[in-house]
């Protein structure tokens, strides 16, 4: 049996050396060290040997078993290292290749123009004040001299918010003027603020109308504020935004919370005021403005006989449309990268 063990050992080591992959190695283990393997079968026959031969044969059998197990362990270690090397090669990054250029975003044209507008007024001493998008009817209309059932409310198609117990009193603000009232309730004159933010109107969308857009409204209240101050501030703003050569025109218009009210236009920067497809008659209307109505001042505790002020409202997208020659307001919110990538 000792000769048989030596033969099994020699044959096993030769077969293990010839195994060329993990499957062959596993088949080798089963063939020699498995429950029905060649060495295991010989070990089970030790009990049939004469007692005198058992110690020597048993010692030799254990030596063969240990030798085969060590050879198997060495082979498995080699296969493990080969597998790790192959995995590392598969995941290896060629650092000599040029890197991928990261995709960089840019500021949205509406945001860009909004910042320019705010910076222009900040340079003239106006502070920025933000307010809630969801507003009370009182601040959005009544405090601005637009009581319930007043025809002027038809100028704003309004989104109302359902509320238990207070129907018709909560809405999405139709302009940012409500925050002017909130500022005046908290601050005594002098007041100089610009109020930016989104506004919402129930409109049929087309090339010039959107149900959601940005506005910047401004307010200045102090002693002896006149229409001359309004014209000076807005003329400076127009020339800052559209060029120092711009001419400015003010004409009477109606707004419930100012008296008198005016609409402001600038000379067309495309044709120089001659008249073209963009302007029609040489002028481009850019905002409405006027002197704050005495009722609005009195409503926040300001004495109209002591204080006066002016207010104005600008559509940010309208400024962007004029500034960049955009022909459809819906492009601002269509998320079309072909459009947005033009503004770098």
C-alpha atoms as a PDB file:
ATOM      1  CA  UNK A   1       0.000   0.000   0.000  1.00  0.00           C
ATOM      2  CA  UNK A   2       2.967   2.297   0.584  1.00  0.00           C
ATOM      3  CA  UNK A   3       3.899   1.888  -3.071  1.00  0.00           C
ATOM      4  CA  UNK A   4       0.296   2.651  -4.036  1.00  0.00           C
ATOM      5  CA  UNK A   5       0.382   5.869  -1.968  1.00  0.00           C
ATOM      6  CA  UNK A   6       3.653   6.948  -3.601  1.00  0.00           C
ATOM      7  CA  UNK A   7       2.139   6.308  -7.026  1.00  0.00           C
ATOM      8  CA  UNK A   8      -0.989   8.318  -6.176  1.00  0.00           C
ATOM      9  CA  UNK A   9       1.171  11.207  -4.947  1.00  0.00           C
ATOM     10  CA  UNK A  10       3.302  11.293  -8.089  1.00  0.00           C
ATOM     11  CA  UNK A  11       0.310  11.048 -10.390  1.00  0.00           C
ATOM     12  CA  UNK A  12      -1.644  13.678  -8.456  1.00  0.00           C
ATOM     13  CA  UNK A  13       1.169  16.225  -8.561  1.00  0.00           C
ATOM     14  CA  UNK A  14       1.628  15.636 -12.280  1.00  0.00           C
ATOM     15  CA  UNK A  15      -2.099  16.060 -12.952  1.00  0.00           C
ATOM     16  CA  UNK A  16      -2.233  19.221 -10.813  1.00  0.00           C
ATOM     17  CA  UNK A  17       0.632  20.750 -12.774  1.00  0.00           C
ATOM     18  CA  UNK A  18      -1.284  20.015 -15.992  1.00  0.00           C
ATOM     19  CA  UNK A  19      -4.505  21.726 -14.780  1.00  0.00           C
ATOM     20  CA  UNK A  20      -4.825  24.934 -16.796  1.00  0.00           C
ATOM     21  CA  UNK A  21      -7.829  26.694 -15.184  1.00  0.00           C
ATOM     22  CA  UNK A  22      -9.939  26.872 -12.051  1.00  0.00           C
ATOM     23  CA  UNK A  23     -12.380  24.242 -13.299  1.00  0.00           C
ATOM     24  CA  UNK A  24      -9.565  21.747 -13.909  1.00  0.00           C
ATOM     25  CA  UNK A  25      -8.157  22.446 -10.449  1.00  0.00           C
ATOM     26  CA  UNK A  26     -11.542  21.779  -8.849  1.00  0.00           C
ATOM     27  CA  UNK A  27     -11.903  18.555 -10.819  1.00  0.00           C
ATOM     28  CA  UNK A  28      -8.455  17.519  -9.570  1.00  0.00           C
ATOM     29  CA  UNK A  29      -9.462  18.161  -5.943  1.00  0.00           C
ATOM     30  CA  UNK A  30     -12.572  16.039  -6.315  1.00  0.00           C
ATOM     31  CA  UNK A  31     -10.589  13.235  -8.055  1.00  0.00           C
ATOM     32  CA  UNK A  32      -7.936  12.942  -5.347  1.00  0.00           C
ATOM     33  CA  UNK A  33      -9.172  14.585  -2.126  1.00  0.00           C
ATOM     34  CA  UNK A  34     -12.951  14.368  -2.488  1.00  0.00           C
ATOM     35  CA  UNK A  35     -15.167  11.937  -0.593  1.00  0.00           C
ATOM     36  CA  UNK A  36     -14.744   9.381  -3.354  1.00  0.00           C
ATOM     37  CA  UNK A  37     -11.259  10.495  -4.399  1.00  0.00           C
ATOM     38  CA  UNK A  38      -8.335   8.173  -4.949  1.00  0.00           C
ATOM     39  CA  UNK A  39      -6.472   9.096  -1.766  1.00  0.00           C
ATOM     40  CA  UNK A  40      -9.635   9.055   0.339  1.00  0.00           C
ATOM     41  CA  UNK A  41     -10.433   5.558  -0.939  1.00  0.00           C
ATOM     42  CA  UNK A  42      -6.969   4.284   0.085  1.00  0.00           C
ATOM     43  CA  UNK A  43      -7.266   5.889   3.535  1.00  0.00           C
ATOM     44  CA  UNK A  44     -10.527   4.028   4.127  1.00  0.00           C
ATOM     45  CA  UNK A  45      -8.683   0.744   3.569  1.00  0.00           C
ATOM     46  CA  UNK A  46      -6.291   1.285   6.496  1.00  0.00           C
ATOM     47  CA  UNK A  47      -8.632  -0.563   8.850  1.00  0.00           C
ATOM     48  CA  UNK A  48      -8.190  -3.785   6.843  1.00  0.00           C
ATOM     49  CA  UNK A  49      -4.376  -3.835   7.278  1.00  0.00           C
ATOM     50  CA  UNK A  50      -2.613  -5.993   9.889  1.00  0.00           C
ATOM     51  CA  UNK A  51      -2.143  -4.045  13.147  1.00  0.00           C
ATOM     52  CA  UNK A  52       1.634  -4.072  12.773  1.00  0.00           C
ATOM     53  CA  UNK A  53       1.506  -2.282   9.385  1.00  0.00           C
ATOM     54  CA  UNK A  54      -1.076   0.337  10.273  1.00  0.00           C
ATOM     55  CA  UNK A  55       1.223   2.934  11.945  1.00  0.00           C
ATOM     56  CA  UNK A  56       3.732   3.059   9.091  1.00  0.00           C
ATOM     57  CA  UNK A  57       1.122   3.079   6.342  1.00  0.00           C
ATOM     58  CA  UNK A  58      -0.997   5.636   8.240  1.00  0.00           C
ATOM     59  CA  UNK A  59       1.993   7.951   8.631  1.00  0.00           C
ATOM     60  CA  UNK A  60       2.788   7.668   4.930  1.00  0.00           C
ATOM     61  CA  UNK A  61      -0.877   8.294   3.999  1.00  0.00           C
ATOM     62  CA  UNK A  62      -0.969  11.469   6.137  1.00  0.00           C
ATOM     63  CA  UNK A  63       2.255  12.695   4.532  1.00  0.00           C
ATOM     64  CA  UNK A  64       0.758  12.210   1.064  1.00  0.00           C
ATOM     65  CA  UNK A  65      -2.489  13.946   2.090  1.00  0.00           C
ATOM     66  CA  UNK A  66      -0.612  16.935   3.556  1.00  0.00           C
ATOM     67  CA  UNK A  67       1.589  17.176   0.456  1.00  0.00           C
ATOM     68  CA  UNK A  68      -1.432  17.192  -1.862  1.00  0.00           C
ATOM     69  CA  UNK A  69      -3.314  19.741   0.259  1.00  0.00           C
ATOM     70  CA  UNK A  70      -0.257  22.052   0.324  1.00  0.00           C
ATOM     71  CA  UNK A  71       0.120  21.691  -3.448  1.00  0.00           C
ATOM     72  CA  UNK A  72      -3.572  22.494  -3.893  1.00  0.00           C
ATOM     73  CA  UNK A  73      -3.310  25.558  -1.620  1.00  0.00           C
ATOM     74  CA  UNK A  74      -0.306  26.827  -3.574  1.00  0.00           C
ATOM     75  CA  UNK A  75      -2.151  26.327  -6.848  1.00  0.00           C
ATOM     76  CA  UNK A  76      -5.257  28.148  -5.591  1.00  0.00           C
ATOM     77  CA  UNK A  77      -3.106  31.069  -4.451  1.00  0.00           C
ATOM     78  CA  UNK A  78      -1.554  31.310  -7.917  1.00  0.00           C
ATOM     79  CA  UNK A  79      -4.986  31.254  -9.533  1.00  0.00           C
ATOM     80  CA  UNK A  80      -6.238  33.941  -7.113  1.00  0.00           C
ATOM     81  CA  UNK A  81      -3.377  36.249  -8.035  1.00  0.00           C
ATOM     82  CA  UNK A  82      -3.924  35.650 -11.734  1.00  0.00           C
ATOM     83  CA  UNK A  83      -7.639  36.482 -11.340  1.00  0.00           C
ATOM     84  CA  UNK A  84      -6.832  39.678  -9.435  1.00  0.00           C
ATOM     85  CA  UNK A  85      -4.339  40.714 -12.093  1.00  0.00           C
ATOM     86  CA  UNK A  86      -6.886  40.144 -14.844  1.00  0.00           C
ATOM     87  CA  UNK A  87      -9.534  42.117 -12.954  1.00  0.00           C
ATOM     88  CA  UNK A  88      -7.102  44.962 -12.413  1.00  0.00           C
ATOM     89  CA  UNK A  89      -6.228  44.985 -16.102  1.00  0.00           C
ATOM     90  CA  UNK A  90      -9.902  45.086 -17.032  1.00  0.00           C
ATOM     91  CA  UNK A  91     -10.508  48.079 -14.752  1.00  0.00           C
ATOM     92  CA  UNK A  92      -7.280  49.885 -15.526  1.00  0.00           C
ATOM     93  CA  UNK A  93      -7.609  53.483 -16.662  1.00  0.00           C
ATOM     94  CA  UNK A  94      -5.194  54.680 -19.282  1.00  0.00           C
ATOM     95  CA  UNK A  95      -3.969  57.897 -17.675  1.00  0.00           C
ATOM     96  CA  UNK A  96      -2.202  58.876 -20.867  1.00  0.00           C
ATOM     97  CA  UNK A  97      -5.530  59.471 -22.650  1.00  0.00           C
ATOM     98  CA  UNK A  98      -6.812  63.077 -22.739  1.00  0.00           C
ATOM     99  CA  UNK A  99      -9.459  63.805 -20.109  1.00  0.00           C
ATOM    100  CA  UNK A 100     -13.118  64.375 -20.910  1.00  0.00           C
ATOM    101  CA  UNK A 101     -14.055  68.035 -20.956  1.00  0.00           C
ATOM    102  CA  UNK A 102     -16.612  68.657 -18.186  1.00  0.00           C
ATOM    103  CA  UNK A 103     -19.901  70.155 -19.314  1.00  0.00           C
ATOM    104  CA  UNK A 104     -20.312  73.587 -17.729  1.00  0.00           C
ATOM    105  CA  UNK A 105     -23.603  75.364 -17.302  1.00  0.00           C
ATOM    106  CA  UNK A 106     -24.240  79.064 -17.547  1.00  0.00           C
ATOM    107  CA  UNK A 107     -26.545  81.608 -16.013  1.00  0.00           C
ATOM    108  CA  UNK A 108     -30.093  81.566 -17.410  1.00  0.00           C
ATOM    109  CA  UNK A 109     -30.834  84.690 -19.486  1.00  0.00           C
ATOM    110  CA  UNK A 110     -33.675  85.686 -17.150  1.00  0.00           C
ATOM    111  CA  UNK A 111     -31.400  85.404 -14.124  1.00  0.00           C
ATOM    112  CA  UNK A 112     -28.687  87.344 -15.939  1.00  0.00           C
ATOM    113  CA  UNK A 113     -31.012  90.237 -16.781  1.00  0.00           C
ATOM    114  CA  UNK A 114     -32.548  90.180 -13.289  1.00  0.00           C
ATOM    115  CA  UNK A 115     -29.105  90.640 -11.755  1.00  0.00           C
ATOM    116  CA  UNK A 116     -28.303  93.486 -14.140  1.00  0.00           C
ATOM    117  CA  UNK A 117     -31.563  95.237 -13.227  1.00  0.00           C
ATOM    118  CA  UNK A 118     -30.974  94.859  -9.485  1.00  0.00           C
ATOM    119  CA  UNK A 119     -27.349  95.992  -9.782  1.00  0.00           C
ATOM    120  CA  UNK A 120     -28.453  99.091 -11.679  1.00  0.00           C
ATOM    121  CA  UNK A 121     -30.890 100.164  -8.965  1.00  0.00           C
ATOM    122  CA  UNK A 122     -28.532  99.160  -6.158  1.00  0.00           C
ATOM    123  CA  UNK A 123     -26.039 101.659  -7.571  1.00  0.00           C
ATOM    124  CA  UNK A 124     -28.725 104.344  -7.082  1.00  0.00           C
ATOM    125  CA  UNK A 125     -29.274 103.466  -3.428  1.00  0.00           C
ATOM    126  CA  UNK A 126     -32.175 100.984  -3.674  1.00  0.00           C
ATOM    127  CA  UNK A 127     -32.237  97.929  -1.438  1.00  0.00           C
ATOM    128  CA  UNK A 128     -33.591  94.522  -2.491  1.00  0.00           C
ATOM    129  CA  UNK A 129     -36.627  93.161  -0.610  1.00  0.00           C
ATOM    130  CA  UNK A 130     -38.223  89.787  -1.358  1.00  0.00           C
ATOM    131  CA  UNK A 131     -41.695  88.616  -0.379  1.00  0.00           C
ATOM    132  CA  UNK A 132     -43.961  85.548  -0.513  1.00  0.00           C
ATOM    133  CA  UNK A 133     -45.250  84.120  -3.790  1.00  0.00           C
ATOM    134  CA  UNK A 134     -48.487  83.017  -2.070  1.00  0.00           C
ATOM    135  CA  UNK A 135     -50.156  86.199  -0.897  1.00  0.00           C
ATOM    136  CA  UNK A 136     -53.249  87.575   0.832  1.00  0.00           C
ATOM    137  CA  UNK A 137     -55.853  89.320  -1.285  1.00  0.00           C
ATOM    138  CA  UNK A 138     -55.460  92.315   1.035  1.00  0.00           C
ATOM    139  CA  UNK A 139     -51.815  92.893   0.118  1.00  0.00           C
ATOM    140  CA  UNK A 140     -52.197  91.975  -3.548  1.00  0.00           C
ATOM    141  CA  UNK A 141     -55.218  94.218  -4.205  1.00  0.00           C
ATOM    142  CA  UNK A 142     -56.935  96.076  -1.362  1.00  0.00           C
ATOM    143  CA  UNK A 143     -53.847  97.721   0.149  1.00  0.00           C
ATOM    144  CA  UNK A 144     -52.969  98.898  -3.372  1.00  0.00           C
ATOM    145  CA  UNK A 145     -56.234 100.821  -3.805  1.00  0.00           C
ATOM    146  CA  UNK A 146     -57.976  97.977  -5.664  1.00  0.00           C
ATOM    147  CA  UNK A 147     -60.958  97.012  -3.460  1.00  0.00           C
ATOM    148  CA  UNK A 148     -63.174  94.001  -4.073  1.00  0.00           C
ATOM    149  CA  UNK A 149     -65.389  94.219  -7.165  1.00  0.00           C
ATOM    150  CA  UNK A 150     -63.290  97.087  -8.541  1.00  0.00           C
ATOM    151  CA  UNK A 151     -63.071  96.908 -12.365  1.00  0.00           C
ATOM    152  CA  UNK A 152     -59.291  97.278 -12.158  1.00  0.00           C
ATOM    153  CA  UNK A 153     -59.051  93.694 -10.903  1.00  0.00           C
ATOM    154  CA  UNK A 154     -59.903  92.561 -14.430  1.00  0.00           C
ATOM    155  CA  UNK A 155     -56.394  93.654 -15.419  1.00  0.00           C
ATOM    156  CA  UNK A 156     -55.003  90.660 -13.531  1.00  0.00           C
ATOM    157  CA  UNK A 157     -56.323  87.148 -14.243  1.00  0.00           C
ATOM    158  CA  UNK A 158     -55.632  85.608 -10.859  1.00  0.00           C
ATOM    159  CA  UNK A 159     -54.884  82.126  -9.519  1.00  0.00           C
ATOM    160  CA  UNK A 160     -56.757  81.717  -6.218  1.00  0.00           C
ATOM    161  CA  UNK A 161     -55.744  79.131  -3.620  1.00  0.00           C
ATOM    162  CA  UNK A 162     -58.446  77.034  -1.955  1.00  0.00           C
ATOM    163  CA  UNK A 163     -58.572  77.668   1.801  1.00  0.00           C
ATOM    164  CA  UNK A 164     -61.021  76.474   4.423  1.00  0.00           C
ATOM    165  CA  UNK A 165     -63.049  79.262   5.983  1.00  0.00           C
ATOM    166  CA  UNK A 166     -61.429  82.070   3.951  1.00  0.00           C
ATOM    167  CA  UNK A 167     -62.405  81.540   0.312  1.00  0.00           C
ATOM    168  CA  UNK A 168     -61.015  84.028  -2.171  1.00  0.00           C
ATOM    169  CA  UNK A 169     -58.510  85.514   0.286  1.00  0.00           C
ATOM    170  CA  UNK A 170     -55.360  83.599  -0.672  1.00  0.00           C
ATOM    171  CA  UNK A 171     -53.831  83.759  -4.135  1.00  0.00           C
ATOM    172  CA  UNK A 172     -50.630  83.553  -6.165  1.00  0.00           C
ATOM    173  CA  UNK A 173     -49.410  87.129  -6.379  1.00  0.00           C
ATOM    174  CA  UNK A 174     -50.121  88.804  -9.700  1.00  0.00           C
ATOM    175  CA  UNK A 175     -47.332  91.366  -9.214  1.00  0.00           C
ATOM    176  CA  UNK A 176     -44.612  92.039  -6.633  1.00  0.00           C
ATOM    177  CA  UNK A 177     -46.276  95.250  -5.423  1.00  0.00           C
ATOM    178  CA  UNK A 178     -47.685  93.493  -2.304  1.00  0.00           C
ATOM    179  CA  UNK A 179     -44.203  93.369  -0.866  1.00  0.00           C
ATOM    180  CA  UNK A 180     -43.899  97.135  -1.257  1.00  0.00           C
ATOM    181  CA  UNK A 181     -46.817  97.419   1.175  1.00  0.00           C
ATOM    182  CA  UNK A 182     -45.183  94.926   3.528  1.00  0.00           C
ATOM    183  CA  UNK A 183     -41.969  96.984   3.496  1.00  0.00           C
ATOM    184  CA  UNK A 184     -43.815 100.238   4.198  1.00  0.00           C
ATOM    185  CA  UNK A 185     -45.652  98.633   7.117  1.00  0.00           C
ATOM    186  CA  UNK A 186     -42.306  97.858   8.757  1.00  0.00           C
ATOM    187  CA  UNK A 187     -40.136 100.828   7.742  1.00  0.00           C
ATOM    188  CA  UNK A 188     -40.598 104.556   8.165  1.00  0.00           C
ATOM    189  CA  UNK A 189     -39.513 106.873   5.332  1.00  0.00           C
ATOM    190  CA  UNK A 190     -37.169 107.306   3.607  1.00  0.00           C
ATOM    191  CA  UNK A 191     -37.811 104.055   1.701  1.00  0.00           C
ATOM    192  CA  UNK A 192     -35.985 102.954  -1.434  1.00  0.00           C
ATOM    193  CA  UNK A 193     -36.505  99.313  -2.405  1.00  0.00           C
ATOM    194  CA  UNK A 194     -36.738  97.112  -5.470  1.00  0.00           C
ATOM    195  CA  UNK A 195     -38.822  93.964  -5.166  1.00  0.00           C
ATOM    196  CA  UNK A 196     -37.928  91.069  -7.512  1.00  0.00           C
ATOM    197  CA  UNK A 197     -39.723  87.748  -7.856  1.00  0.00           C
ATOM    198  CA  UNK A 198     -42.007  85.441  -9.798  1.00  0.00           C
ATOM    199  CA  UNK A 199     -45.583  86.483 -10.468  1.00  0.00           C
ATOM    200  CA  UNK A 200     -48.499  84.392 -11.720  1.00  0.00           C
ATOM    201  CA  UNK A 201     -51.422  85.175 -13.999  1.00  0.00           C
ATOM    202  CA  UNK A 202     -54.074  82.968 -15.550  1.00  0.00           C
ATOM    203  CA  UNK A 203     -53.163  83.791 -19.136  1.00  0.00           C
ATOM    204  CA  UNK A 204     -53.381  81.995 -22.459  1.00  0.00           C
ATOM    205  CA  UNK A 205     -49.716  81.583 -23.381  1.00  0.00           C
ATOM    206  CA  UNK A 206     -48.434  82.927 -26.671  1.00  0.00           C
ATOM    207  CA  UNK A 207     -45.298  84.613 -27.975  1.00  0.00           C
ATOM    208  CA  UNK A 208     -45.741  87.582 -25.603  1.00  0.00           C
ATOM    209  CA  UNK A 209     -47.651  86.074 -22.637  1.00  0.00           C
ATOM    210  CA  UNK A 210     -46.771  83.473 -20.002  1.00  0.00           C
ATOM    211  CA  UNK A 211     -48.672  82.381 -16.895  1.00  0.00           C
ATOM    212  CA  UNK A 212     -45.499  82.649 -14.816  1.00  0.00           C
ATOM    213  CA  UNK A 213     -42.762  85.252 -15.225  1.00  0.00           C
ATOM    214  CA  UNK A 214     -40.410  87.557 -13.306  1.00  0.00           C
ATOM    215  CA  UNK A 215     -41.029  91.130 -12.268  1.00  0.00           C
ATOM    216  CA  UNK A 216     -39.014  93.815 -10.537  1.00  0.00           C
ATOM    217  CA  UNK A 217     -41.009  96.587  -8.924  1.00  0.00           C
ATOM    218  CA  UNK A 218     -39.492  99.604  -7.254  1.00  0.00           C
ATOM    219  CA  UNK A 219     -40.601 102.081  -4.624  1.00  0.00           C
ATOM    220  CA  UNK A 220     -39.184 105.346  -3.286  1.00  0.00           C
ATOM    221  CA  UNK A 221     -40.943 107.326  -0.533  1.00  0.00           C
ATOM    222  CA  UNK A 222     -39.619 110.404   1.214  1.00  0.00           C
ATOM    223  CA  UNK A 223     -40.409 114.066   1.731  1.00  0.00           C
ATOM    224  CA  UNK A 224     -40.656 116.127  -1.457  1.00  0.00           C
ATOM    225  CA  UNK A 225     -40.359 113.197  -3.902  1.00  0.00           C
ATOM    226  CA  UNK A 226     -41.658 114.371  -7.284  1.00  0.00           C
ATOM    227  CA  UNK A 227     -42.254 113.150 -10.818  1.00  0.00           C
ATOM    228  CA  UNK A 228     -38.871 114.666 -11.685  1.00  0.00           C
ATOM    229  CA  UNK A 229     -37.218 112.166  -9.343  1.00  0.00           C
ATOM    230  CA  UNK A 230     -39.089 109.309 -11.015  1.00  0.00           C
ATOM    231  CA  UNK A 231     -38.007 110.442 -14.471  1.00  0.00           C
ATOM    232  CA  UNK A 232     -34.400 110.881 -13.383  1.00  0.00           C
ATOM    233  CA  UNK A 233     -34.116 107.439 -11.793  1.00  0.00           C
ATOM    234  CA  UNK A 234     -35.816 105.565 -14.638  1.00  0.00           C
ATOM    235  CA  UNK A 235     -33.922 107.463 -17.332  1.00  0.00           C
ATOM    236  CA  UNK A 236     -30.634 106.548 -15.638  1.00  0.00           C
ATOM    237  CA  UNK A 237     -31.743 102.918 -15.470  1.00  0.00           C
ATOM    238  CA  UNK A 238     -32.730 102.826 -19.161  1.00  0.00           C
ATOM    239  CA  UNK A 239     -29.388 104.220 -20.275  1.00  0.00           C
ATOM    240  CA  UNK A 240     -27.519 101.836 -17.978  1.00  0.00           C
ATOM    241  CA  UNK A 241     -29.336  98.825 -19.461  1.00  0.00           C
ATOM    242  CA  UNK A 242     -29.620  99.847 -23.138  1.00  0.00           C
ATOM    243  CA  UNK A 243     -26.840 102.352 -23.755  1.00  0.00           C
ATOM    244  CA  UNK A 244     -26.060 105.967 -22.927  1.00  0.00           C
ATOM    245  CA  UNK A 245     -27.471 107.201 -26.248  1.00  0.00           C
ATOM    246  CA  UNK A 246     -31.024 106.013 -25.463  1.00  0.00           C
ATOM    247  CA  UNK A 247     -33.816 108.567 -25.545  1.00  0.00           C
ATOM    248  CA  UNK A 248     -36.645 108.164 -23.018  1.00  0.00           C
ATOM    249  CA  UNK A 249     -40.335 108.950 -23.399  1.00  0.00           C
ATOM    250  CA  UNK A 250     -43.013 109.179 -20.689  1.00  0.00           C
ATOM    251  CA  UNK A 251     -46.742 109.197 -21.545  1.00  0.00           C
ATOM    252  CA  UNK A 252     -49.799 109.179 -19.300  1.00  0.00           C
ATOM    253  CA  UNK A 253     -51.259 105.759 -18.469  1.00  0.00           C
ATOM    254  CA  UNK A 254     -53.577 104.266 -15.856  1.00  0.00           C
ATOM    255  CA  UNK A 255     -52.554 102.126 -12.880  1.00  0.00           C
ATOM    256  CA  UNK A 256     -54.832 101.944  -9.801  1.00  0.00           C
ATOM    257  CA  UNK A 257     -52.120 102.374  -7.195  1.00  0.00           C
ATOM    258  CA  UNK A 258     -50.366 105.400  -8.713  1.00  0.00           C
ATOM    259  CA  UNK A 259     -51.609 108.874  -9.588  1.00  0.00           C
ATOM    260  CA  UNK A 260     -50.604 110.132 -12.041  1.00  0.00           C
ATOM    261  CA  UNK A 261     -49.471 107.024 -13.908  1.00  0.00           C
ATOM    262  CA  UNK A 262     -47.102 106.860 -16.869  1.00  0.00           C
ATOM    263  CA  UNK A 263     -45.740 104.321 -19.299  1.00  0.00           C
ATOM    264  CA  UNK A 264     -42.074 104.618 -20.138  1.00  0.00           C
ATOM    265  CA  UNK A 265     -40.570 103.859 -23.522  1.00  0.00           C
ATOM    266  CA  UNK A 266     -37.055 104.032 -24.925  1.00  0.00           C
ATOM    267  CA  UNK A 267     -35.873 104.831 -28.420  1.00  0.00           C
ATOM    268  CA  UNK A 268     -35.431 101.642 -30.441  1.00  0.00           C
ATOM    269  CA  UNK A 269     -31.827 100.468 -30.315  1.00  0.00           C
ATOM    270  CA  UNK A 270     -32.250  98.487 -33.534  1.00  0.00           C
ATOM    271  CA  UNK A 271     -33.302 101.329 -35.844  1.00  0.00           C
ATOM    272  CA  UNK A 272     -32.263 104.328 -33.756  1.00  0.00           C
ATOM    273  CA  UNK A 273     -35.837 105.579 -33.439  1.00  0.00           C
ATOM    274  CA  UNK A 274     -36.647 105.656 -37.142  1.00  0.00           C
ATOM    275  CA  UNK A 275     -39.134 102.772 -37.052  1.00  0.00           C
ATOM    276  CA  UNK A 276     -38.624  99.093 -37.794  1.00  0.00           C
ATOM    277  CA  UNK A 277     -40.227  95.660 -37.450  1.00  0.00           C
ATOM    278  CA  UNK A 278     -39.194  95.457 -33.795  1.00  0.00           C
ATOM    279  CA  UNK A 279     -40.610  98.785 -32.602  1.00  0.00           C
ATOM    280  CA  UNK A 280     -43.035  99.866 -35.301  1.00  0.00           C
ATOM    281  CA  UNK A 281     -42.790 103.570 -34.549  1.00  0.00           C
ATOM    282  CA  UNK A 282     -39.301 104.036 -33.153  1.00  0.00           C
ATOM    283  CA  UNK A 283     -40.209 103.477 -29.483  1.00  0.00           C
ATOM    284  CA  UNK A 284     -40.166 100.386 -27.225  1.00  0.00           C
ATOM    285  CA  UNK A 285     -42.320 100.369 -24.099  1.00  0.00           C
ATOM    286  CA  UNK A 286     -40.408  98.848 -21.184  1.00  0.00           C
ATOM    287  CA  UNK A 287     -42.355  99.625 -17.974  1.00  0.00           C
ATOM    288  CA  UNK A 288     -45.196 101.331 -16.163  1.00  0.00           C
ATOM    289  CA  UNK A 289     -44.681 103.798 -13.311  1.00  0.00           C
ATOM    290  CA  UNK A 290     -46.218 106.726 -11.455  1.00  0.00           C
ATOM    291  CA  UNK A 291     -46.546 108.604  -8.198  1.00  0.00           C
ATOM    292  CA  UNK A 292     -47.795 106.483  -5.293  1.00  0.00           C
ATOM    293  CA  UNK A 293     -51.507 107.028  -4.661  1.00  0.00           C
ATOM    294  CA  UNK A 294     -52.215 108.942  -1.399  1.00  0.00           C
ATOM    295  CA  UNK A 295     -54.596 106.151  -0.288  1.00  0.00           C
ATOM    296  CA  UNK A 296     -51.789 103.627  -0.486  1.00  0.00           C
ATOM    297  CA  UNK A 297     -49.559 105.833   1.667  1.00  0.00           C
ATOM    298  CA  UNK A 298     -52.323 106.445   4.194  1.00  0.00           C
ATOM    299  CA  UNK A 299     -53.088 102.730   4.368  1.00  0.00           C
ATOM    300  CA  UNK A 300     -49.620 101.969   5.774  1.00  0.00           C
ATOM    301  CA  UNK A 301     -49.610 104.896   8.207  1.00  0.00           C
ATOM    302  CA  UNK A 302     -47.689 107.431   6.098  1.00  0.00           C
ATOM    303  CA  UNK A 303     -49.051 110.985   6.104  1.00  0.00           C
ATOM    304  CA  UNK A 304     -49.708 111.870   2.406  1.00  0.00           C
ATOM    305  CA  UNK A 305     -49.424 115.540   3.243  1.00  0.00           C
ATOM    306  CA  UNK A 306     -45.829 114.994   4.411  1.00  0.00           C
ATOM    307  CA  UNK A 307     -44.567 112.116   2.274  1.00  0.00           C
ATOM    308  CA  UNK A 308     -44.772 111.313  -1.409  1.00  0.00           C
ATOM    309  CA  UNK A 309     -43.226 108.661  -3.559  1.00  0.00           C
ATOM    310  CA  UNK A 310     -43.013 106.937  -6.894  1.00  0.00           C
ATOM    311  CA  UNK A 311     -43.305 103.295  -7.946  1.00  0.00           C
ATOM    312  CA  UNK A 312     -42.523 101.351 -11.120  1.00  0.00           C
ATOM    313  CA  UNK A 313     -42.778  97.823 -12.466  1.00  0.00           C
ATOM    314  CA  UNK A 314     -40.543  96.010 -14.968  1.00  0.00           C
ATOM    315  CA  UNK A 315     -41.041  92.654 -16.661  1.00  0.00           C
ATOM    316  CA  UNK A 316     -37.646  90.957 -16.577  1.00  0.00           C
ATOM    317  CA  UNK A 317     -38.360  88.715 -19.566  1.00  0.00           C
ATOM    318  CA  UNK A 318     -39.495  91.764 -21.535  1.00  0.00           C
ATOM    319  CA  UNK A 319     -36.140  93.435 -20.884  1.00  0.00           C
ATOM    320  CA  UNK A 320     -34.356  90.229 -21.944  1.00  0.00           C
ATOM    321  CA  UNK A 321     -36.484  89.993 -25.108  1.00  0.00           C
ATOM    322  CA  UNK A 322     -35.524  93.527 -26.085  1.00  0.00           C
ATOM    323  CA  UNK A 323     -31.902  93.193 -25.018  1.00  0.00           C
ATOM    324  CA  UNK A 324     -31.221  89.921 -26.859  1.00  0.00           C
ATOM    325  CA  UNK A 325     -33.725  90.115 -29.718  1.00  0.00           C
ATOM    326  CA  UNK A 326     -35.787  87.095 -28.594  1.00  0.00           C
ATOM    327  CA  UNK A 327     -39.107  86.701 -30.398  1.00  0.00           C
ATOM    328  CA  UNK A 328     -41.012  84.332 -28.073  1.00  0.00           C
ATOM    329  CA  UNK A 329     -41.265  84.547 -24.260  1.00  0.00           C
ATOM    330  CA  UNK A 330     -41.990  80.798 -24.073  1.00  0.00           C
ATOM    331  CA  UNK A 331     -38.394  80.045 -25.063  1.00  0.00           C
ATOM    332  CA  UNK A 332     -37.222  81.115 -21.593  1.00  0.00           C
ATOM    333  CA  UNK A 333     -38.971  78.162 -19.937  1.00  0.00           C
ATOM    334  CA  UNK A 334     -38.934  75.491 -22.674  1.00  0.00           C
ATOM    335  CA  UNK A 335     -35.652  74.002 -21.309  1.00  0.00           C
ATOM    336  CA  UNK A 336     -34.270  73.830 -24.843  1.00  0.00           C
ATOM    337  CA  UNK A 337     -30.475  73.680 -24.584  1.00  0.00           C
ATOM    338  CA  UNK A 338     -30.123  74.965 -28.141  1.00  0.00           C
ATOM    339  CA  UNK A 339     -31.659  78.218 -26.925  1.00  0.00           C
ATOM    340  CA  UNK A 340     -29.994  78.413 -23.515  1.00  0.00           C
ATOM    341  CA  UNK A 341     -26.451  77.715 -24.788  1.00  0.00           C
ATOM    342  CA  UNK A 342     -26.520  80.974 -26.735  1.00  0.00           C
ATOM    343  CA  UNK A 343     -26.199  82.994 -23.505  1.00  0.00           C
ATOM    344  CA  UNK A 344     -22.635  82.504 -22.252  1.00  0.00           C
END
